[in-house]
C-alpha atoms as a PDB file:
ATOM      1  CA  MET A   1     109.765 116.436  77.716  1.00  0.00           C
ATOM      2  CA  LYS A   2     112.497 118.725  79.070  1.00  0.00           C
ATOM      3  CA  LYS A   3     109.936 120.423  81.282  1.00  0.00           C
ATOM      4  CA  THR A   4     108.769 117.076  82.661  1.00  0.00           C
ATOM      5  CA  ILE A   5     112.359 116.009  83.385  1.00  0.00           C
ATOM      6  CA  LEU A   6     113.042 119.330  85.137  1.00  0.00           C
ATOM      7  CA  ILE A   7     109.938 119.001  87.312  1.00  0.00           C
ATOM      8  CA  SER A   8     110.890 115.424  88.207  1.00  0.00           C
ATOM      9  CA  LEU A   9     114.438 116.533  89.098  1.00  0.00           C
ATOM     10  CA  ILE A  10     113.187 119.325  91.350  1.00  0.00           C
ATOM     11  CA  LEU A  11     110.795 116.965  93.120  1.00  0.00           C
ATOM     12  CA  SER A  12     113.579 114.428  93.587  1.00  0.00           C
ATOM     13  CA  ILE A  13     115.791 117.018  95.244  1.00  0.00           C
ATOM     14  CA  PHE A  14     113.003 118.043  97.617  1.00  0.00           C
ATOM     15  CA  MET A  15     112.389 114.395  98.481  1.00  0.00           C
ATOM     16  CA  LEU A  16     115.908 114.174  99.879  1.00  0.00           C
ATOM     17  CA  VAL A  17     115.503 117.079 102.267  1.00  0.00           C
ATOM     18  CA  LEU A  18     111.828 117.184 103.220  1.00  0.00           C
ATOM     19  CA  PRO A  19     109.526 114.646 104.877  1.00  0.00           C
ATOM     20  CA  LEU A  20     107.560 112.714 102.285  1.00  0.00           C
ATOM     21  CA  LEU A  21     103.912 111.791 102.442  1.00  0.00           C
ATOM     22  CA  SER A  22     101.981 109.898  99.876  1.00  0.00           C
ATOM     23  CA  LEU A  23      98.386 109.111  99.101  1.00  0.00           C
ATOM     24  CA  LYS A  24      96.923 106.125  97.459  1.00  0.00           C
ATOM     25  CA  THR A  25      94.284 104.776  95.295  1.00  0.00           C
ATOM     26  CA  GLU A  26      95.828 102.671  92.562  1.00  0.00           C
ATOM     27  CA  GLU A  27      98.913 104.822  92.127  1.00  0.00           C
ATOM     28  CA  GLU A  28     101.075 106.430  94.775  1.00  0.00           C
ATOM     29  CA  PRO A  29     101.053 110.219  94.509  1.00  0.00           C
ATOM     30  CA  GLU A  30     103.764 111.939  96.531  1.00  0.00           C
ATOM     31  CA  VAL A  31     103.147 115.065  98.559  1.00  0.00           C
ATOM     32  CA  LEU A  32     105.897 117.230  99.959  1.00  0.00           C
ATOM     33  CA  VAL A  33     105.225 118.719 103.371  1.00  0.00           C
ATOM     34  CA  ASP A  34     106.945 122.022 104.106  1.00  0.00           C
ATOM     35  CA  THR A  35     106.336 123.339 107.606  1.00  0.00           C
ATOM     36  CA  LYS A  36     107.338 126.833 106.445  1.00  0.00           C
ATOM     37  CA  VAL A  37     104.236 127.108 104.271  1.00  0.00           C
ATOM     38  CA  ASP A  38     101.219 128.823 105.832  1.00  0.00           C
ATOM     39  CA  TYR A  39      98.338 126.359 105.520  1.00  0.00           C
ATOM     40  CA  SER A  40      95.997 128.286 107.816  1.00  0.00           C
ATOM     41  CA  ALA A  41      92.410 128.475 106.627  1.00  0.00           C
ATOM     42  CA  GLU A  42      92.540 132.284 106.640  1.00  0.00           C
ATOM     43  CA  LYS A  43      95.461 132.302 104.215  1.00  0.00           C
ATOM     44  CA  THR A  44      94.140 129.781 101.720  1.00  0.00           C
ATOM     45  CA  GLU A  45      92.009 130.594  98.684  1.00  0.00           C
ATOM     46  CA  ALA A  46      90.816 127.966  96.296  1.00  0.00           C
ATOM     47  CA  GLN A  47      87.789 128.856  94.221  1.00  0.00           C
ATOM     48  CA  THR A  48      89.722 127.825  91.126  1.00  0.00           C
ATOM     49  CA  PHE A  49      92.673 125.544  90.416  1.00  0.00           C
ATOM     50  CA  LYS A  50      95.322 125.815  87.742  1.00  0.00           C
ATOM     51  CA  VAL A  51      95.841 122.182  86.766  1.00  0.00           C
ATOM     52  CA  LEU A  52      98.960 120.996  84.972  1.00  0.00           C
ATOM     53  CA  ILE A  53      97.664 118.304  82.612  1.00  0.00           C
ATOM     54  CA  LYS A  54     100.223 115.523  82.507  1.00  0.00           C
ATOM     55  CA  GLU A  55      99.564 114.363  78.946  1.00  0.00           C
ATOM     56  CA  SER A  56      99.648 117.780  77.257  1.00  0.00           C
ATOM     57  CA  GLU A  57     101.914 119.573  79.762  1.00  0.00           C
ATOM     58  CA  LYS A  58      99.498 122.490  79.502  1.00  0.00           C
ATOM     59  CA  VAL A  59      97.952 124.376  82.399  1.00  0.00           C
ATOM     60  CA  GLU A  60      94.161 124.637  82.506  1.00  0.00           C
ATOM     61  CA  GLU A  61      92.278 126.785  85.016  1.00  0.00           C
ATOM     62  CA  VAL A  62      89.067 125.180  86.248  1.00  0.00           C
ATOM     63  CA  SER A  63      86.541 125.951  88.954  1.00  0.00           C
ATOM     64  CA  ALA A  64      86.935 124.179  92.288  1.00  0.00           C
ATOM     65  CA  GLU A  65      83.697 122.295  91.640  1.00  0.00           C
ATOM     66  CA  ASP A  66      84.856 121.016  88.248  1.00  0.00           C
ATOM     67  CA  TYR A  67      88.273 120.076  89.614  1.00  0.00           C
ATOM     68  CA  ILE A  68      86.790 118.101  92.504  1.00  0.00           C
ATOM     69  CA  PHE A  69      84.369 116.382  90.119  1.00  0.00           C
ATOM     70  CA  SER A  70      87.309 115.218  87.994  1.00  0.00           C
ATOM     71  CA  VAL A  71      89.164 113.925  91.047  1.00  0.00           C
ATOM     72  CA  VAL A  72      86.192 112.216  92.676  1.00  0.00           C
ATOM     73  CA  ALA A  73      85.183 110.604  89.384  1.00  0.00           C
ATOM     74  CA  ALA A  74      88.685 109.154  89.103  1.00  0.00           C
ATOM     75  CA  GLU A  75      89.335 108.298  92.728  1.00  0.00           C
ATOM     76  CA  ILE A  76      86.222 106.578  94.086  1.00  0.00           C
ATOM     77  CA  PRO A  77      83.572 104.263  92.600  1.00  0.00           C
ATOM     78  CA  ALA A  78      80.467 106.255  91.651  1.00  0.00           C
ATOM     79  CA  SER A  79      78.389 103.352  92.960  1.00  0.00           C
ATOM     80  CA  TYR A  80      79.472 104.207  96.519  1.00  0.00           C
ATOM     81  CA  GLU A  81      77.069 105.809  98.974  1.00  0.00           C
ATOM     82  CA  SER A  82      76.546 109.563  98.642  1.00  0.00           C
ATOM     83  CA  GLU A  83      77.939 110.258 102.124  1.00  0.00           C
ATOM     84  CA  ALA A  84      81.145 108.404 101.220  1.00  0.00           C
ATOM     85  CA  ILE A  85      81.375 110.459  98.035  1.00  0.00           C
ATOM     86  CA  LYS A  86      80.927 113.639 100.056  1.00  0.00           C
ATOM     87  CA  ALA A  87      83.719 112.531 102.389  1.00  0.00           C
ATOM     88  CA  GLN A  88      85.934 111.894  99.360  1.00  0.00           C
ATOM     89  CA  ALA A  89      85.068 115.322  97.953  1.00  0.00           C
ATOM     90  CA  VAL A  90      86.094 117.069 101.184  1.00  0.00           C
ATOM     91  CA  ALA A  91      89.296 115.019 101.384  1.00  0.00           C
ATOM     92  CA  ALA A  92      90.137 115.777  97.743  1.00  0.00           C
ATOM     93  CA  TYR A  93      89.427 119.492  98.205  1.00  0.00           C
ATOM     94  CA  SER A  94      91.479 119.741 101.403  1.00  0.00           C
ATOM     95  CA  PHE A  95      94.389 117.948  99.740  1.00  0.00           C
ATOM     96  CA  ALA A  96      94.209 120.269  96.732  1.00  0.00           C
ATOM     97  CA  VAL A  97      94.076 123.412  98.880  1.00  0.00           C
ATOM     98  CA  ARG A  98      97.268 122.352 100.669  1.00  0.00           C
ATOM     99  CA  ARG A  99      98.945 121.485  97.388  1.00  0.00           C
ATOM    100  CA  LYS A 100      97.972 124.856  95.948  1.00  0.00           C
ATOM    101  CA  ALA A 101      99.410 126.663  98.962  1.00  0.00           C
ATOM    102  CA  TYR A 102     102.655 124.724  98.639  1.00  0.00           C
ATOM    103  CA  ASN A 103     103.043 125.266  94.888  1.00  0.00           C
ATOM    104  CA  ASN A 104     102.199 128.964  95.214  1.00  0.00           C
ATOM    105  CA  SER A 105     104.931 129.289  97.835  1.00  0.00           C
ATOM    106  CA  GLN A 106     107.319 127.828  95.255  1.00  0.00           C
ATOM    107  CA  ASN A 107     106.119 130.255  92.561  1.00  0.00           C
ATOM    108  CA  LYS A 108     104.918 127.431  90.337  1.00  0.00           C
ATOM    109  CA  GLU A 109     102.803 128.287  87.300  1.00  0.00           C
ATOM    110  CA  TYR A 110     100.243 125.724  88.386  1.00  0.00           C
ATOM    111  CA  ASP A 111      98.414 124.856  91.618  1.00  0.00           C
ATOM    112  CA  ILE A 112      98.257 121.088  91.217  1.00  0.00           C
ATOM    113  CA  SER A 113      98.930 118.506  88.521  1.00  0.00           C
ATOM    114  CA  SER A 114      96.905 115.664  87.064  1.00  0.00           C
ATOM    115  CA  ASP A 115      99.817 113.289  87.656  1.00  0.00           C
ATOM    116  CA  PRO A 116      98.851 110.742  90.348  1.00  0.00           C
ATOM    117  CA  LYS A 117     102.539 110.237  91.144  1.00  0.00           C
ATOM    118  CA  THR A 118     102.661 113.712  92.653  1.00  0.00           C
ATOM    119  CA  ASP A 119      99.041 114.691  93.246  1.00  0.00           C
ATOM    120  CA  GLN A 120      95.556 113.209  92.822  1.00  0.00           C
ATOM    121  CA  CYS A 121      94.026 111.130  90.055  1.00  0.00           C
ATOM    122  CA  TYR A 122      92.151 113.277  87.557  1.00  0.00           C
ATOM    123  CA  ILE A 123      89.786 112.380  84.719  1.00  0.00           C
ATOM    124  CA  ASN A 124      87.872 114.716  82.409  1.00  0.00           C
ATOM    125  CA  ARG A 125      84.088 114.639  82.148  1.00  0.00           C
ATOM    126  CA  ASP A 126      83.948 112.803  78.814  1.00  0.00           C
ATOM    127  CA  ALA A 127      86.312 110.087  80.014  1.00  0.00           C
ATOM    128  CA  ALA A 128      84.329 109.693  83.247  1.00  0.00           C
ATOM    129  CA  ARG A 129      81.046 109.348  81.368  1.00  0.00           C
ATOM    130  CA  GLY A 130      82.619 106.851  79.003  1.00  0.00           C
ATOM    131  CA  LYS A 131      83.753 104.802  81.967  1.00  0.00           C
ATOM    132  CA  TRP A 132      80.262 104.821  83.477  1.00  0.00           C
ATOM    133  CA  GLY A 133      78.481 103.790  80.272  1.00  0.00           C
ATOM    134  CA  ASP A 134      74.701 103.503  80.620  1.00  0.00           C
ATOM    135  CA  LYS A 135      74.867 104.970  84.136  1.00  0.00           C
ATOM    136  CA  ALA A 136      76.681 108.132  83.027  1.00  0.00           C
ATOM    137  CA  ASP A 137      73.743 110.506  83.629  1.00  0.00           C
ATOM    138  CA  GLU A 138      72.895 108.925  86.975  1.00  0.00           C
ATOM    139  CA  TYR A 139      76.474 108.909  88.263  1.00  0.00           C
ATOM    140  CA  GLU A 140      77.348 112.401  87.063  1.00  0.00           C
ATOM    141  CA  THR A 141      74.255 113.833  88.746  1.00  0.00           C
ATOM    142  CA  LYS A 142      74.979 111.874  91.914  1.00  0.00           C
ATOM    143  CA  ILE A 143      78.572 113.093  92.166  1.00  0.00           C
ATOM    144  CA  ARG A 144      77.816 116.705  91.290  1.00  0.00           C
ATOM    145  CA  ASN A 145      75.013 116.859  93.859  1.00  0.00           C
ATOM    146  CA  ALA A 146      77.317 115.432  96.523  1.00  0.00           C
ATOM    147  CA  ILE A 147      80.033 117.958  95.683  1.00  0.00           C
ATOM    148  CA  LYS A 148      77.591 120.872  95.836  1.00  0.00           C
ATOM    149  CA  GLU A 149      76.506 119.864  99.334  1.00  0.00           C
ATOM    150  CA  VAL A 150      80.078 120.090 100.648  1.00  0.00           C
ATOM    151  CA  SER A 151      81.340 122.862  98.364  1.00  0.00           C
ATOM    152  CA  GLY A 152      84.223 124.795  99.917  1.00  0.00           C
ATOM    153  CA  ILE A 153      84.361 122.662 103.057  1.00  0.00           C
ATOM    154  CA  ALA A 154      87.854 121.668 104.174  1.00  0.00           C
ATOM    155  CA  ALA A 155      89.222 119.506 106.965  1.00  0.00           C
ATOM    156  CA  LEU A 156      91.230 121.553 109.445  1.00  0.00           C
ATOM    157  CA  TYR A 157      93.605 120.590 112.229  1.00  0.00           C
ATOM    158  CA  LYS A 158      94.574 123.312 114.691  1.00  0.00           C
ATOM    159  CA  GLY A 159      93.489 125.940 112.190  1.00  0.00           C
ATOM    160  CA  GLU A 160      95.447 124.567 109.246  1.00  0.00           C
ATOM    161  CA  VAL A 161      94.053 122.727 106.252  1.00  0.00           C
ATOM    162  CA  ALA A 162      94.865 119.064 106.874  1.00  0.00           C
ATOM    163  CA  LEU A 163      96.777 116.760 104.565  1.00  0.00           C
ATOM    164  CA  THR A 164      93.867 114.393 103.962  1.00  0.00           C
ATOM    165  CA  LEU A 165      95.543 111.285 102.617  1.00  0.00           C
ATOM    166  CA  TYR A 166      93.360 108.377 101.580  1.00  0.00           C
ATOM    167  CA  HIS A 167      93.570 104.902 100.075  1.00  0.00           C
ATOM    168  CA  ALA A 168      91.298 102.222  98.666  1.00  0.00           C
ATOM    169  CA  VAL A 169      91.168  99.486 101.336  1.00  0.00           C
ATOM    170  CA  SER A 170      93.027  99.174 104.646  1.00  0.00           C
ATOM    171  CA  SER A 171      94.388  95.980 106.165  1.00  0.00           C
ATOM    172  CA  GLY A 172      91.778  96.198 108.930  1.00  0.00           C
ATOM    173  CA  LYS A 173      93.442  99.170 110.606  1.00  0.00           C
ATOM    174  CA  THR A 174      94.793 102.277 108.964  1.00  0.00           C
ATOM    175  CA  GLU A 175      98.440 103.158 109.444  1.00  0.00           C
ATOM    176  CA  ALA A 176      99.904 106.151 111.248  1.00  0.00           C
ATOM    177  CA  SER A 177     101.686 108.416 108.794  1.00  0.00           C
ATOM    178  CA  SER A 178     104.716 108.435 111.095  1.00  0.00           C
ATOM    179  CA  GLU A 179     105.078 104.687 110.529  1.00  0.00           C
ATOM    180  CA  ILE A 180     104.836 104.883 106.753  1.00  0.00           C
ATOM    181  CA  PHE A 181     106.185 108.282 105.731  1.00  0.00           C
ATOM    182  CA  GLY A 182     107.793 109.717 108.853  1.00  0.00           C
ATOM    183  CA  GLY A 183     106.929 113.158 110.156  1.00  0.00           C
ATOM    184  CA  ASN A 184     104.392 113.872 112.863  1.00  0.00           C
ATOM    185  CA  ALA A 185     100.947 114.513 111.417  1.00  0.00           C
ATOM    186  CA  GLU A 186      98.948 114.109 114.617  1.00  0.00           C
ATOM    187  CA  TYR A 187      95.653 113.608 112.803  1.00  0.00           C
ATOM    188  CA  LEU A 188      96.997 110.761 110.649  1.00  0.00           C
ATOM    189  CA  VAL A 189      97.104 108.015 113.258  1.00  0.00           C
ATOM    190  CA  SER A 190      96.056 104.360 113.157  1.00  0.00           C
ATOM    191  CA  LYS A 191      92.284 103.893 113.154  1.00  0.00           C
ATOM    192  CA  ASP A 192      90.070 100.819 113.255  1.00  0.00           C
ATOM    193  CA  SER A 193      88.687  99.840 109.855  1.00  0.00           C
ATOM    194  CA  VAL A 194      88.041  96.149 110.400  1.00  0.00           C
ATOM    195  CA  TRP A 195      85.088  96.260 108.003  1.00  0.00           C
ATOM    196  CA  ASP A 196      87.603  96.552 105.166  1.00  0.00           C
ATOM    197  CA  LYS A 197      88.149  92.825 105.553  1.00  0.00           C
ATOM    198  CA  LEU A 198      84.730  92.363 103.959  1.00  0.00           C
ATOM    199  CA  SER A 199      85.880  93.998 100.727  1.00  0.00           C
ATOM    200  CA  PRO A 200      86.556  91.766  97.692  1.00  0.00           C
ATOM    201  CA  ASP A 201      89.728  93.840  97.243  1.00  0.00           C
ATOM    202  CA  TYR A 202      90.974  93.132 100.776  1.00  0.00           C
ATOM    203  CA  LEU A 203      92.982  90.027  99.882  1.00  0.00           C
ATOM    204  CA  SER A 204      95.152  89.377  96.839  1.00  0.00           C
ATOM    205  CA  THR A 205      98.055  87.051  96.039  1.00  0.00           C
ATOM    206  CA  VAL A 206     101.091  87.096  93.810  1.00  0.00           C
ATOM    207  CA  LYS A 207     103.076  83.916  93.163  1.00  0.00           C
ATOM    208  CA  LYS A 208     106.628  83.876  91.837  1.00  0.00           C
ATOM    209  CA  SER A 209     109.331  81.253  91.448  1.00  0.00           C
ATOM    210  CA  VAL A 210     112.643  81.831  93.171  1.00  0.00           C
ATOM    211  CA  ASN A 211     114.330  82.141  89.779  1.00  0.00           C
ATOM    212  CA  GLU A 212     111.860  84.835  88.745  1.00  0.00           C
ATOM    213  CA  LEU A 213     112.516  86.709  91.975  1.00  0.00           C
ATOM    214  CA  LYS A 214     116.273  86.412  91.531  1.00  0.00           C
ATOM    215  CA  ASN A 215     115.971  88.147  88.174  1.00  0.00           C
ATOM    216  CA  LEU A 216     113.512  90.770  89.354  1.00  0.00           C
ATOM    217  CA  PHE A 217     115.631  91.736  92.373  1.00  0.00           C
ATOM    218  CA  SER A 218     119.031  91.199  90.701  1.00  0.00           C
ATOM    219  CA  VAL A 219     120.181  88.606  93.247  1.00  0.00           C
ATOM    220  CA  GLU A 220     121.140  85.859  90.808  1.00  0.00           C
ATOM    221  CA  ASP A 221     124.162  84.912  92.954  1.00  0.00           C
ATOM    222  CA  TYR A 222     122.028  83.827  95.945  1.00  0.00           C
ATOM    223  CA  ASN A 223     122.849  80.217  96.884  1.00  0.00           C
ATOM    224  CA  GLY A 224     121.127  79.926 100.251  1.00  0.00           C
ATOM    225  CA  LYS A 225     118.031  77.990 101.245  1.00  0.00           C
ATOM    226  CA  THR A 226     114.760  78.878  99.582  1.00  0.00           C
ATOM    227  CA  ALA A 227     113.143  79.151 103.006  1.00  0.00           C
ATOM    228  CA  ASN A 228     115.511  82.018 103.804  1.00  0.00           C
ATOM    229  CA  PHE A 229     115.255  83.764 100.453  1.00  0.00           C
ATOM    230  CA  ILE A 230     112.869  86.424 101.788  1.00  0.00           C
ATOM    231  CA  ASN A 231     112.891  87.702 105.357  1.00  0.00           C
ATOM    232  CA  LEU A 232     110.541  90.451 106.529  1.00  0.00           C
ATOM    233  CA  THR A 233     112.925  92.282 108.827  1.00  0.00           C
ATOM    234  CA  GLU A 234     110.823  95.245 109.958  1.00  0.00           C
ATOM    235  CA  LYS A 235     107.057  95.745 109.992  1.00  0.00           C
ATOM    236  CA  THR A 236     104.606  98.169 111.559  1.00  0.00           C
ATOM    237  CA  LYS A 237     102.385  96.856 114.340  1.00  0.00           C
ATOM    238  CA  ASN A 238      99.626  96.512 111.734  1.00  0.00           C
ATOM    239  CA  GLY A 239     101.800  94.380 109.475  1.00  0.00           C
ATOM    240  CA  THR A 240     102.973  96.806 106.804  1.00  0.00           C
ATOM    241  CA  VAL A 241     106.455  95.828 105.673  1.00  0.00           C
ATOM    242  CA  LYS A 242     109.072  98.530 106.192  1.00  0.00           C
ATOM    243  CA  THR A 243     112.145  96.545 105.180  1.00  0.00           C
ATOM    244  CA  ALA A 244     112.929  93.020 104.032  1.00  0.00           C
ATOM    245  CA  THR A 245     115.854  91.073 102.680  1.00  0.00           C
ATOM    246  CA  VAL A 246     115.500  89.368  99.313  1.00  0.00           C
ATOM    247  CA  GLY A 247     118.316  87.017  98.376  1.00  0.00           C
ATOM    248  CA  GLY A 248     120.445  88.574 101.087  1.00  0.00           C
ATOM    249  CA  LYS A 249     119.939  92.156  99.863  1.00  0.00           C
ATOM    250  CA  GLU A 250     117.840  94.671 101.792  1.00  0.00           C
ATOM    251  CA  PHE A 251     114.884  96.396 100.155  1.00  0.00           C
ATOM    252  CA  SER A 252     112.212  98.748 101.401  1.00  0.00           C
ATOM    253  CA  GLY A 253     108.690  97.405 101.542  1.00  0.00           C
ATOM    254  CA  GLU A 254     107.686 100.037  98.991  1.00  0.00           C
ATOM    255  CA  LYS A 255     110.385  98.877  96.561  1.00  0.00           C
ATOM    256  CA  ILE A 256     109.204  95.276  96.877  1.00  0.00           C
ATOM    257  CA  ARG A 257     105.650  96.408  96.263  1.00  0.00           C
ATOM    258  CA  GLU A 258     106.742  98.351  93.181  1.00  0.00           C
ATOM    259  CA  ILE A 259     108.785  95.514  91.679  1.00  0.00           C
ATOM    260  CA  LEU A 260     106.080  92.894  92.210  1.00  0.00           C
ATOM    261  CA  SER A 261     103.090  95.202  91.551  1.00  0.00           C
ATOM    262  CA  LEU A 262     101.586  94.299  94.929  1.00  0.00           C
ATOM    263  CA  ARG A 263      98.427  96.118  95.969  1.00  0.00           C
ATOM    264  CA  SER A 264      99.952  97.190  99.270  1.00  0.00           C
ATOM    265  CA  ARG A 265     103.023  96.878 101.460  1.00  0.00           C
ATOM    266  CA  ASN A 266     101.102  94.843 104.003  1.00  0.00           C
ATOM    267  CA  PHE A 267     101.923  91.277 103.010  1.00  0.00           C
ATOM    268  CA  SER A 268     103.107  87.896 104.230  1.00  0.00           C
ATOM    269  CA  VAL A 269     105.157  85.285 102.372  1.00  0.00           C
ATOM    270  CA  LYS A 270     104.850  81.531 102.129  1.00  0.00           C
ATOM    271  CA  VAL A 271     107.439  79.211 100.576  1.00  0.00           C
ATOM    272  CA  SER A 272     106.328  76.044  98.802  1.00  0.00           C
ATOM    273  CA  GLY A 273     109.050  74.191  96.938  1.00  0.00           C
ATOM    274  CA  ASP A 274     110.652  76.684  94.568  1.00  0.00           C
ATOM    275  CA  ASP A 275     107.671  79.040  94.653  1.00  0.00           C
ATOM    276  CA  ILE A 276     106.991  81.953  96.971  1.00  0.00           C
ATOM    277  CA  THR A 277     103.468  83.299  97.424  1.00  0.00           C
ATOM    278  CA  PHE A 278     102.868  86.848  98.597  1.00  0.00           C
ATOM    279  CA  THR A 279      99.529  87.282 100.377  1.00  0.00           C
ATOM    280  CA  VAL A 280      98.628  90.964 100.307  1.00  0.00           C
ATOM    281  CA  TYR A 281      96.223  92.691 102.694  1.00  0.00           C
ATOM    282  CA  GLY A 282      94.417  95.854 101.652  1.00  0.00           C
ATOM    283  CA  TYR A 283      94.939  98.163  98.702  1.00  0.00           C
ATOM    284  CA  GLY A 284      97.082 101.277  98.963  1.00  0.00           C
ATOM    285  CA  HIS A 285      99.444 102.817 101.493  1.00  0.00           C
ATOM    286  CA  GLY A 286      96.936 102.506 104.328  1.00  0.00           C
ATOM    287  CA  VAL A 287      97.227 106.051 105.710  1.00  0.00           C
ATOM    288  CA  GLY A 288      94.212 108.278 106.297  1.00  0.00           C
ATOM    289  CA  MET A 289      90.721 107.514 105.039  1.00  0.00           C
ATOM    290  CA  SER A 290      89.885 104.113 103.630  1.00  0.00           C
ATOM    291  CA  GLN A 291      87.502 104.699 100.743  1.00  0.00           C
ATOM    292  CA  ASN A 292      85.972 101.259 101.123  1.00  0.00           C
ATOM    293  CA  GLY A 293      85.691 101.872 104.857  1.00  0.00           C
ATOM    294  CA  ALA A 294      83.989 105.189 104.230  1.00  0.00           C
ATOM    295  CA  ASN A 295      81.418 103.450 102.053  1.00  0.00           C
ATOM    296  CA  TYR A 296      80.792 100.814 104.720  1.00  0.00           C
ATOM    297  CA  LEU A 297      80.297 103.474 107.401  1.00  0.00           C
ATOM    298  CA  ALA A 298      77.927 105.376 105.115  1.00  0.00           C
ATOM    299  CA  LYS A 299      75.836 102.232 104.774  1.00  0.00           C
ATOM    300  CA  GLN A 300      75.701 102.069 108.585  1.00  0.00           C
ATOM    301  CA  GLY A 301      74.225 105.564 108.723  1.00  0.00           C
ATOM    302  CA  TYR A 302      77.362 107.688 109.183  1.00  0.00           C
ATOM    303  CA  ASP A 303      77.272 111.060 107.459  1.00  0.00           C
ATOM    304  CA  TYR A 304      80.343 112.468 105.722  1.00  0.00           C
ATOM    305  CA  GLU A 305      81.386 114.483 108.788  1.00  0.00           C
ATOM    306  CA  LYS A 306      81.411 111.427 111.062  1.00  0.00           C
ATOM    307  CA  ILE A 307      83.274 109.446 108.423  1.00  0.00           C
ATOM    308  CA  LEU A 308      85.985 112.076 108.099  1.00  0.00           C
ATOM    309  CA  LYS A 309      86.320 112.515 111.856  1.00  0.00           C
ATOM    310  CA  HIS A 310      86.688 108.775 112.270  1.00  0.00           C
ATOM    311  CA  TYR A 311      89.665 108.555 109.930  1.00  0.00           C
ATOM    312  CA  TYR A 312      91.303 111.949 110.598  1.00  0.00           C
ATOM    313  CA  ASP A 313      91.787 112.290 114.329  1.00  0.00           C
ATOM    314  CA  GLY A 314      90.857 115.625 115.921  1.00  0.00           C
ATOM    315  CA  ILE A 315      89.909 117.507 112.750  1.00  0.00           C
ATOM    316  CA  THR A 316      87.175 120.085 112.357  1.00  0.00           C
ATOM    317  CA  LEU A 317      85.278 120.912 109.176  1.00  0.00           C
ATOM    318  CA  LYS A 318      84.907 124.481 107.965  1.00  0.00           C
ATOM    319  CA  LYS A 319      83.709 126.199 104.805  1.00  0.00           C
ATOM    320  CA  ILE A 320      86.675 128.260 103.647  1.00  0.00           C
ATOM    321  CA  ILE A 321      85.211 129.775 100.452  1.00  0.00           C
END
């Protein structure tokens, strides 16, 4: 427990002084970007990963192939097209290589953790097979074959391993990282992904009464009109909420999402009587590759390389091990 608290404290301090990027499936892992770290392909080595297991707080060393299997099995539906799974494997590997380089520069005892709040989702083989049920053999074979075909391949931008963020479903366009997390990752710019609107996970709603919202946001003293209870004060051009006022108090879009368990920060509000309905578009932070979009493109005949180059602007792919 003390070790976990210490790690959390260190990460919190870094978050105050370094640009923050995050990636999304269902949770929101946070990734610190340090421009002083050498992320060049020639300097990276990742045939194995030392993984800090969140539950046990123990470090396990696994092969790159086994690590990527555990991430892919957790991060993307095994029913997706093989080319989408390959794209996910490359994205997961590239992300892990960068994370390893960063943690090594900080003299950490591990390369990456299994905690989705800081890194990528991670599930062991038995848990993955249990999740897949009768299709366990089929899905394990499918994922392992896909991983083998892209083994050691990373996404590079100007010679450095790219920070390949991804999310479940976009709002119809992905977001530029500069709009969501700040910084200037030139390859993480807004990209068309209109086909995400076809996903059953594209649209979701959350309905709350004003009294419920007053309690949730600690604005019990608000006495204004219900119509003015929530104001979306700043949004990206794609509609992701940066800031809003709730009961006269300002909150970040991410804080509102967290409090209300919204699927994304891209939402609109509608007032009806004493109820407010949040209509949410997409699933995740919206930066980088849309996993649903990758699957759609794969169905249209795109291979994993074209998928990755669509979502990560100007990258190249290279086998680095």
